[in-house]
Amino acid sequence: MQDQTGKSKPKIVSNADYFAEVQRMLQQGKEVRIRIKGQSMRPFIQDGDMVMLRAYKGLPLPLGSNILAKDKGKFVFHRLVGKKKDQYVLAGDGNLVLHEYITEKDIIAIAYMHYPKDKEAAIAIHQPWPRLRGLGWYHMRLMRRIIAKLKRMI
């Protein structure tokens, strides 16, 4: 679609249609690059950054992996922070309290590359160091909540 100047205009697509197409491409064995929207993965992944996804194939997932999943009918891109029985526990890096509890059938894809919008170099986020850094940040949640409350009091 083009506007009067001949430039392409962005087309607005519903999340359901967008992620249906992402899932279709992943099922075909393709890797899919998506733009991240929202603040829940800050400070490591910012609004507007992109990640490359590969379809989840049922292999064991290391803690700290970044996952695209469906939770209660909504799509989430969050970090795997634990496993309790048959449930996987996800949390956004920027969330101080919220968790999602999903099953293996809810996992759609695993992110393996991160393309920050303000940097030229890509980051292999499936490697141990980025996963460990994210888990460390997650385990500092209590301290982060206390600091956030203190900042509001000042």
C-alpha atoms as a PDB file:
ATOM      1  CA  MET A   1       0.000   0.000   0.000  1.00  0.00           C
ATOM      2  CA  GLN A   2       1.365   3.428  -0.967  1.00  0.00           C
ATOM      3  CA  ASP A   3       0.375   6.936   0.010  1.00  0.00           C
ATOM      4  CA  GLN A   4       0.221   9.959  -2.349  1.00  0.00           C
ATOM      5  CA  THR A   5       4.002  10.453  -2.152  1.00  0.00           C
ATOM      6  CA  GLY A   6       4.624   6.903  -3.383  1.00  0.00           C
ATOM      7  CA  LYS A   7       6.007   5.763  -0.041  1.00  0.00           C
ATOM      8  CA  SER A   8       4.774   2.589   1.611  1.00  0.00           C
ATOM      9  CA  LYS A   9       2.333   3.043   4.450  1.00  0.00           C
ATOM     10  CA  PRO A  10       2.379   0.643   7.370  1.00  0.00           C
ATOM     11  CA  LYS A  11      -0.558  -1.736   7.405  1.00  0.00           C
ATOM     12  CA  ILE A  12      -2.231  -2.389  10.738  1.00  0.00           C
ATOM     13  CA  VAL A  13      -2.822  -6.080  11.383  1.00  0.00           C
ATOM     14  CA  SER A  14      -4.497  -7.615  14.412  1.00  0.00           C
ATOM     15  CA  ASN A  15      -2.320  -9.563  16.840  1.00  0.00           C
ATOM     16  CA  ALA A  16      -4.318 -12.712  16.064  1.00  0.00           C
ATOM     17  CA  ASP A  17      -3.653 -12.433  12.318  1.00  0.00           C
ATOM     18  CA  TYR A  18      -0.025 -11.424  12.830  1.00  0.00           C
ATOM     19  CA  PHE A  19       0.803 -14.317  15.145  1.00  0.00           C
ATOM     20  CA  ALA A  20      -1.179 -16.772  13.017  1.00  0.00           C
ATOM     21  CA  GLU A  21       1.172 -15.890  10.160  1.00  0.00           C
ATOM     22  CA  VAL A  22       4.230 -16.122  12.440  1.00  0.00           C
ATOM     23  CA  GLN A  23       3.110 -19.583  13.553  1.00  0.00           C
ATOM     24  CA  ARG A  24       2.446 -20.677   9.954  1.00  0.00           C
ATOM     25  CA  MET A  25       5.951 -19.631   8.902  1.00  0.00           C
ATOM     26  CA  LEU A  26       7.531 -21.344  11.915  1.00  0.00           C
ATOM     27  CA  GLN A  27       5.622 -24.541  11.129  1.00  0.00           C
ATOM     28  CA  GLN A  28       7.099 -24.421   7.630  1.00  0.00           C
ATOM     29  CA  GLY A  29      10.548 -24.542   9.217  1.00  0.00           C
ATOM     30  CA  LYS A  30      11.336 -20.886   8.600  1.00  0.00           C
ATOM     31  CA  GLU A  31      13.009 -18.571  11.053  1.00  0.00           C
ATOM     32  CA  VAL A  32      10.930 -15.490  11.774  1.00  0.00           C
ATOM     33  CA  ARG A  33      12.058 -12.047  12.864  1.00  0.00           C
ATOM     34  CA  ILE A  34       9.518 -10.094  14.912  1.00  0.00           C
ATOM     35  CA  ARG A  35       9.507  -6.612  16.405  1.00  0.00           C
ATOM     36  CA  ILE A  36       9.036  -6.475  20.170  1.00  0.00           C
ATOM     37  CA  LYS A  37       6.302  -4.179  21.412  1.00  0.00           C
ATOM     38  CA  GLY A  38       6.067  -3.042  25.011  1.00  0.00           C
ATOM     39  CA  GLN A  39       8.298  -2.539  28.023  1.00  0.00           C
ATOM     40  CA  SER A  40       8.042  -5.927  29.759  1.00  0.00           C
ATOM     41  CA  MET A  41      11.479  -7.156  28.612  1.00  0.00           C
ATOM     42  CA  ARG A  42      13.441  -4.063  29.619  1.00  0.00           C
ATOM     43  CA  PRO A  43      16.272  -3.465  30.307  1.00  0.00           C
ATOM     44  CA  PHE A  44      17.651  -6.107  27.946  1.00  0.00           C
ATOM     45  CA  ILE A  45      15.127  -5.972  25.106  1.00  0.00           C
ATOM     46  CA  GLN A  46      13.551  -2.605  24.354  1.00  0.00           C
ATOM     47  CA  ASP A  47      10.312  -1.623  22.650  1.00  0.00           C
ATOM     48  CA  GLY A  48      11.050  -1.684  18.903  1.00  0.00           C
ATOM     49  CA  ASP A  49      13.952  -4.154  19.065  1.00  0.00           C
ATOM     50  CA  MET A  50      13.706  -7.265  16.924  1.00  0.00           C
ATOM     51  CA  VAL A  51      14.292 -10.929  17.738  1.00  0.00           C
ATOM     52  CA  MET A  52      14.746 -13.951  15.494  1.00  0.00           C
ATOM     53  CA  LEU A  53      12.620 -16.952  16.399  1.00  0.00           C
ATOM     54  CA  ARG A  54      12.862 -20.658  15.731  1.00  0.00           C
ATOM     55  CA  ALA A  55       9.954 -23.038  16.228  1.00  0.00           C
ATOM     56  CA  TYR A  56       9.934 -24.908  19.526  1.00  0.00           C
ATOM     57  CA  LYS A  57      10.444 -28.599  18.837  1.00  0.00           C
ATOM     58  CA  GLY A  58      10.005 -30.094  22.291  1.00  0.00           C
ATOM     59  CA  LEU A  59      13.671 -30.197  23.297  1.00  0.00           C
ATOM     60  CA  PRO A  60      14.590 -29.318  26.901  1.00  0.00           C
ATOM     61  CA  LEU A  61      14.725 -25.566  27.401  1.00  0.00           C
ATOM     62  CA  PRO A  62      17.522 -24.002  29.409  1.00  0.00           C
ATOM     63  CA  LEU A  63      16.448 -21.546  32.095  1.00  0.00           C
ATOM     64  CA  GLY A  64      16.780 -17.976  30.928  1.00  0.00           C
ATOM     65  CA  SER A  65      15.568 -18.732  27.402  1.00  0.00           C
ATOM     66  CA  ASN A  66      13.416 -16.076  25.752  1.00  0.00           C
ATOM     67  CA  ILE A  67      10.156 -17.648  24.635  1.00  0.00           C
ATOM     68  CA  LEU A  68       7.177 -16.727  22.502  1.00  0.00           C
ATOM     69  CA  ALA A  69       4.157 -18.451  24.034  1.00  0.00           C
ATOM     70  CA  LYS A  70       0.419 -18.212  24.333  1.00  0.00           C
ATOM     71  CA  ASP A  71      -0.964 -17.513  27.813  1.00  0.00           C
ATOM     72  CA  LYS A  72      -4.722 -17.330  28.405  1.00  0.00           C
ATOM     73  CA  GLY A  73      -5.349 -16.537  24.734  1.00  0.00           C
ATOM     74  CA  LYS A  74      -2.693 -13.797  24.514  1.00  0.00           C
ATOM     75  CA  PHE A  75       0.777 -13.959  23.015  1.00  0.00           C
ATOM     76  CA  VAL A  76       3.688 -13.192  25.335  1.00  0.00           C
ATOM     77  CA  PHE A  77       7.404 -12.902  24.766  1.00  0.00           C
ATOM     78  CA  HIS A  78       9.051 -13.484  28.154  1.00  0.00           C
ATOM     79  CA  ARG A  79      11.915 -15.286  29.845  1.00  0.00           C
ATOM     80  CA  LEU A  80      11.734 -18.858  31.144  1.00  0.00           C
ATOM     81  CA  VAL A  81      12.528 -18.492  34.847  1.00  0.00           C
ATOM     82  CA  GLY A  82      11.433 -21.838  36.258  1.00  0.00           C
ATOM     83  CA  LYS A  83       9.570 -25.076  35.886  1.00  0.00           C
ATOM     84  CA  LYS A  84       7.061 -26.452  38.393  1.00  0.00           C
ATOM     85  CA  LYS A  85       5.800 -29.951  37.628  1.00  0.00           C
ATOM     86  CA  ASP A  86       4.306 -29.707  34.138  1.00  0.00           C
ATOM     87  CA  GLN A  87       4.232 -25.928  34.075  1.00  0.00           C
ATOM     88  CA  TYR A  88       6.799 -23.511  32.731  1.00  0.00           C
ATOM     89  CA  VAL A  89       7.132 -20.213  34.602  1.00  0.00           C
ATOM     90  CA  LEU A  90       7.700 -17.100  32.490  1.00  0.00           C
ATOM     91  CA  ALA A  91       8.402 -13.530  33.558  1.00  0.00           C
ATOM     92  CA  GLY A  92       9.182 -10.347  31.709  1.00  0.00           C
ATOM     93  CA  ASP A  93      12.529  -8.821  32.661  1.00  0.00           C
ATOM     94  CA  GLY A  94      10.809  -5.506  33.378  1.00  0.00           C
ATOM     95  CA  ASN A  95       8.025  -7.035  35.486  1.00  0.00           C
ATOM     96  CA  LEU A  96       8.512  -6.851  39.232  1.00  0.00           C
ATOM     97  CA  VAL A  97       5.705  -9.214  40.235  1.00  0.00           C
ATOM     98  CA  LEU A  98       3.842 -10.820  37.315  1.00  0.00           C
ATOM     99  CA  HIS A  99       4.455 -14.434  36.201  1.00  0.00           C
ATOM    100  CA  GLU A 100       2.839 -16.559  33.514  1.00  0.00           C
ATOM    101  CA  TYR A 101       2.325 -20.279  34.030  1.00  0.00           C
ATOM    102  CA  ILE A 102       2.114 -22.191  30.763  1.00  0.00           C
ATOM    103  CA  THR A 103       2.347 -25.780  29.589  1.00  0.00           C
ATOM    104  CA  GLU A 104       4.682 -27.139  26.958  1.00  0.00           C
ATOM    105  CA  LYS A 105       1.922 -27.052  24.326  1.00  0.00           C
ATOM    106  CA  ASP A 106       1.687 -23.247  24.825  1.00  0.00           C
ATOM    107  CA  ILE A 107       5.303 -22.687  23.733  1.00  0.00           C
ATOM    108  CA  ILE A 108       5.484 -21.478  20.145  1.00  0.00           C
ATOM    109  CA  ALA A 109       9.087 -20.437  19.572  1.00  0.00           C
ATOM    110  CA  ILE A 110      12.463 -19.739  21.104  1.00  0.00           C
ATOM    111  CA  ALA A 111      14.385 -16.541  20.379  1.00  0.00           C
ATOM    112  CA  TYR A 112      18.003 -16.995  19.496  1.00  0.00           C
ATOM    113  CA  MET A 113      19.064 -13.588  18.141  1.00  0.00           C
ATOM    114  CA  HIS A 114      18.333 -10.078  19.396  1.00  0.00           C
ATOM    115  CA  TYR A 115      18.669  -7.051  17.105  1.00  0.00           C
ATOM    116  CA  PRO A 116      18.675  -3.895  19.247  1.00  0.00           C
ATOM    117  CA  LYS A 117      17.244  -0.940  17.331  1.00  0.00           C
ATOM    118  CA  ASP A 118      20.055   1.370  18.439  1.00  0.00           C
ATOM    119  CA  LYS A 119      23.026  -0.931  17.786  1.00  0.00           C
ATOM    120  CA  GLU A 120      24.455  -2.553  14.701  1.00  0.00           C
ATOM    121  CA  ALA A 121      25.617  -5.804  16.286  1.00  0.00           C
ATOM    122  CA  ALA A 122      23.177  -8.629  16.954  1.00  0.00           C
ATOM    123  CA  ILE A 123      23.233 -10.515  20.278  1.00  0.00           C
ATOM    124  CA  ALA A 124      22.999 -14.306  20.437  1.00  0.00           C
ATOM    125  CA  ILE A 125      20.495 -14.404  23.312  1.00  0.00           C
ATOM    126  CA  HIS A 126      20.300 -18.186  23.363  1.00  0.00           C
ATOM    127  CA  GLN A 127      23.908 -18.368  24.606  1.00  0.00           C
ATOM    128  CA  PRO A 128      24.702 -18.939  28.303  1.00  0.00           C
ATOM    129  CA  TRP A 129      25.813 -15.392  29.233  1.00  0.00           C
ATOM    130  CA  PRO A 130      22.663 -13.521  28.083  1.00  0.00           C
ATOM    131  CA  ARG A 131      20.478 -16.203  29.689  1.00  0.00           C
ATOM    132  CA  LEU A 132      22.434 -16.061  32.966  1.00  0.00           C
ATOM    133  CA  ARG A 133      22.355 -12.258  32.996  1.00  0.00           C
ATOM    134  CA  GLY A 134      18.573 -12.320  32.532  1.00  0.00           C
ATOM    135  CA  LEU A 135      18.098 -14.878  35.295  1.00  0.00           C
ATOM    136  CA  GLY A 136      20.292 -12.825  37.623  1.00  0.00           C
ATOM    137  CA  TRP A 137      18.128  -9.785  36.888  1.00  0.00           C
ATOM    138  CA  TYR A 138      15.006 -11.844  37.584  1.00  0.00           C
ATOM    139  CA  HIS A 139      16.331 -13.032  40.962  1.00  0.00           C
ATOM    140  CA  MET A 140      16.957  -9.404  41.965  1.00  0.00           C
ATOM    141  CA  ARG A 141      13.213  -8.659  41.708  1.00  0.00           C
ATOM    142  CA  LEU A 142      12.690  -8.165  45.439  1.00  0.00           C
ATOM    143  CA  MET A 143      15.553  -5.675  45.644  1.00  0.00           C
ATOM    144  CA  ARG A 144      14.280  -3.923  42.503  1.00  0.00           C
ATOM    145  CA  ARG A 145      10.791  -3.624  44.046  1.00  0.00           C
ATOM    146  CA  ILE A 146      12.219  -2.115  47.238  1.00  0.00           C
ATOM    147  CA  ILE A 147      14.281   0.393  45.266  1.00  0.00           C
ATOM    148  CA  ALA A 148      11.254   1.322  43.130  1.00  0.00           C
ATOM    149  CA  LYS A 149       9.175   1.962  46.280  1.00  0.00           C
ATOM    150  CA  LEU A 150      11.944   4.059  47.830  1.00  0.00           C
ATOM    151  CA  LYS A 151      12.209   6.145  44.659  1.00  0.00           C
ATOM    152  CA  ARG A 152       8.466   6.855  44.791  1.00  0.00           C
ATOM    153  CA  MET A 153       8.787   8.002  48.408  1.00  0.00           C
ATOM    154  CA  ILE A 154      11.513  10.510  47.631  1.00  0.00           C
END
